[in-house]
Amino acid sequence: MANQTKNDEHNQMISMNFAVLGGIIGAGIGLLTTPGTGKKVIQNINQSETMRAAGNELRRTAQQIITDQLMMTLRETAAGYRLKRDATQSNHQENEDFDLYKELKEENKQLNEHLQRIEEKLDTLMNSKK
């Protein structure tokens, strides 16, 4: 239950990061598509070391978010696969156990029949000696 809460909080944080990232990208596109302002903004951005650093940080953050999301998806997929595999192995083991049980039951039945015949022969032999 605690893992589910952590996953929900993590998903909410990722959603919030995507919303902020989308807002920044939208505002940037809006500024760049304005004819006069767009050229000035591009010149200022190209000359600003702060904006380059912010762009690099934004790129790293976006990459980290995508990587985290991918890793979580892979973990969930792997966990589902393991559960499915374990269930299949468990069913396979149960089938093997049931087959072994049937074999032992059949062997027991044959041994009982053989013992019954031996007892009958012994009874016949004992009756003939009397």
Protein backbone atom coordinates (compact mmCIF):
# COMPACT_ATOMS: atom_id res chain seq x y z
CA MET A 1 0.00 0.00 0.00
CA ALA A 2 2.87 2.36 0.83
CA ASN A 3 4.49 1.63 -2.54
CA GLN A 4 1.24 2.51 -4.29
CA THR A 5 1.13 5.85 -2.42
CA LYS A 6 4.75 6.58 -3.37
CA ASN A 7 4.05 5.70 -6.99
CA ASP A 8 0.98 7.96 -7.00
CA GLU A 9 2.97 10.85 -5.52
CA HIS A 10 5.78 10.25 -8.02
CA ASN A 11 3.30 10.21 -10.91
CA GLN A 12 1.72 13.46 -9.65
CA MET A 13 5.15 15.11 -9.45
CA ILE A 14 5.99 13.97 -12.96
CA SER A 15 2.65 15.31 -14.22
CA MET A 16 3.34 18.65 -12.55
CA ASN A 17 6.81 18.78 -14.13
CA PHE A 18 5.31 18.10 -17.54
CA ALA A 19 2.74 20.88 -17.00
CA VAL A 20 5.47 23.39 -16.07
CA LEU A 21 7.62 22.24 -18.97
CA GLY A 22 4.65 22.60 -21.34
CA GLY A 23 3.97 26.13 -20.06
CA ILE A 24 7.58 27.17 -20.58
CA ILE A 25 7.66 25.69 -24.06
CA GLY A 26 4.33 27.33 -24.94
CA ALA A 27 5.49 30.73 -23.72
CA GLY A 28 8.73 30.35 -25.65
CA ILE A 29 6.92 29.43 -28.86
CA GLY A 30 4.59 32.39 -28.37
CA LEU A 31 7.51 34.80 -28.05
CA LEU A 32 9.39 33.32 -30.98
CA THR A 33 6.42 33.41 -33.37
CA THR A 34 5.89 37.14 -32.90
CA PRO A 35 7.79 38.69 -35.88
CA GLY A 36 9.65 41.62 -34.28
CA THR A 37 9.91 40.27 -30.79
CA GLY A 38 10.97 36.83 -32.00
CA LYS A 39 14.14 38.13 -33.69
CA LYS A 40 15.12 40.20 -30.65
CA VAL A 41 14.44 37.31 -28.29
CA ILE A 42 16.52 34.93 -30.40
CA GLN A 43 19.44 37.40 -30.49
CA ASN A 44 19.24 37.92 -26.73
CA ILE A 45 19.00 34.20 -26.07
CA ASN A 46 22.00 33.45 -28.28
CA GLN A 47 24.07 36.07 -26.42
CA SER A 48 22.91 35.15 -22.90
CA GLU A 49 25.08 32.65 -21.05
CA THR A 50 22.38 32.33 -18.37
CA MET A 51 19.84 31.22 -20.93
CA ARG A 52 22.26 28.66 -22.35
CA ALA A 53 22.81 27.25 -18.86
CA ALA A 54 19.05 27.27 -18.20
CA GLY A 55 18.44 25.53 -21.54
CA ASN A 56 21.00 22.87 -20.72
CA GLU A 57 19.47 22.38 -17.27
CA LEU A 58 15.98 22.20 -18.78
CA ARG A 59 17.21 19.59 -21.27
CA ARG A 60 18.81 17.53 -18.48
CA THR A 61 15.66 17.79 -16.36
CA ALA A 62 13.47 16.67 -19.27
CA GLN A 63 15.82 13.78 -19.96
CA GLN A 64 15.76 12.79 -16.28
CA ILE A 65 11.95 12.89 -16.17
CA ILE A 66 11.68 10.74 -19.28
CA THR A 67 14.32 8.32 -17.97
CA ASP A 68 12.55 8.01 -14.60
CA GLN A 69 9.22 7.39 -16.30
CA LEU A 70 10.78 4.76 -18.57
CA MET A 71 12.46 3.01 -15.64
CA MET A 72 9.20 2.92 -13.68
CA THR A 73 7.38 1.46 -16.67
CA LEU A 74 10.09 -1.17 -17.13
CA ARG A 75 9.94 -2.11 -13.44
CA GLU A 76 6.16 -2.50 -13.58
CA THR A 77 6.44 -4.59 -16.74
CA ALA A 78 9.16 -6.76 -15.21
CA ALA A 79 7.13 -7.22 -12.02
CA GLY A 80 4.10 -8.27 -14.06
CA TYR A 81 6.22 -10.67 -16.07
CA ARG A 82 7.69 -12.18 -12.91
CA LEU A 83 4.25 -12.69 -11.40
CA LYS A 84 3.02 -14.32 -14.59
CA ARG A 85 6.14 -16.50 -14.81
CA ASP A 86 5.88 -17.51 -11.15
CA ALA A 87 2.21 -18.41 -11.60
CA THR A 88 3.05 -20.47 -14.68
CA GLN A 89 5.85 -22.26 -12.83
CA SER A 90 3.55 -22.85 -9.87
CA ASN A 91 0.88 -24.34 -12.15
CA HIS A 92 3.52 -26.46 -13.87
CA GLN A 93 4.76 -27.71 -10.48
CA GLU A 94 1.20 -28.50 -9.39
CA ASN A 95 0.63 -30.45 -12.62
CA GLU A 96 3.85 -32.40 -12.05
CA ASP A 97 2.85 -33.12 -8.44
CA PHE A 98 -0.61 -34.29 -9.54
CA ASP A 99 0.92 -36.53 -12.23
CA LEU A 100 3.30 -38.01 -9.67
CA TYR A 101 0.35 -38.56 -7.31
CA LYS A 102 -1.57 -40.39 -10.05
CA GLU A 103 1.47 -42.56 -10.84
CA LEU A 104 1.94 -43.44 -7.17
CA LYS A 105 -1.75 -44.18 -6.78
CA GLU A 106 -1.67 -46.50 -9.81
CA GLU A 107 1.48 -48.23 -8.53
CA ASN A 108 -0.14 -48.66 -5.11
CA LYS A 109 -3.20 -50.18 -6.73
CA GLN A 110 -1.05 -52.65 -8.69
CA LEU A 111 0.89 -53.60 -5.57
CA ASN A 112 -2.35 -54.21 -3.66
CA GLU A 113 -3.66 -56.41 -6.48
CA HIS A 114 -0.37 -58.32 -6.55
CA LEU A 115 -0.46 -58.74 -2.78
CA GLN A 116 -4.06 -59.96 -3.01
CA ARG A 117 -3.04 -62.63 -5.55
CA ILE A 118 -0.14 -63.72 -3.35
CA GLU A 119 -2.47 -64.04 -0.36
CA GLU A 120 -4.92 -66.07 -2.42
CA LYS A 121 -2.14 -68.41 -3.55
CA LEU A 122 -0.92 -68.77 0.04
CA ASP A 123 -4.47 -69.55 1.19
CA THR A 124 -4.78 -72.14 -1.60
CA LEU A 125 -1.45 -73.65 -0.65
CA MET A 126 -2.35 -73.79 3.05
CA ASN A 127 -5.74 -75.39 2.28
CA SER A 128 -4.14 -78.03 0.08
CA LYS A 129 -1.70 -79.11 2.85
CA LYS A 130 -4.47 -79.70 5.38
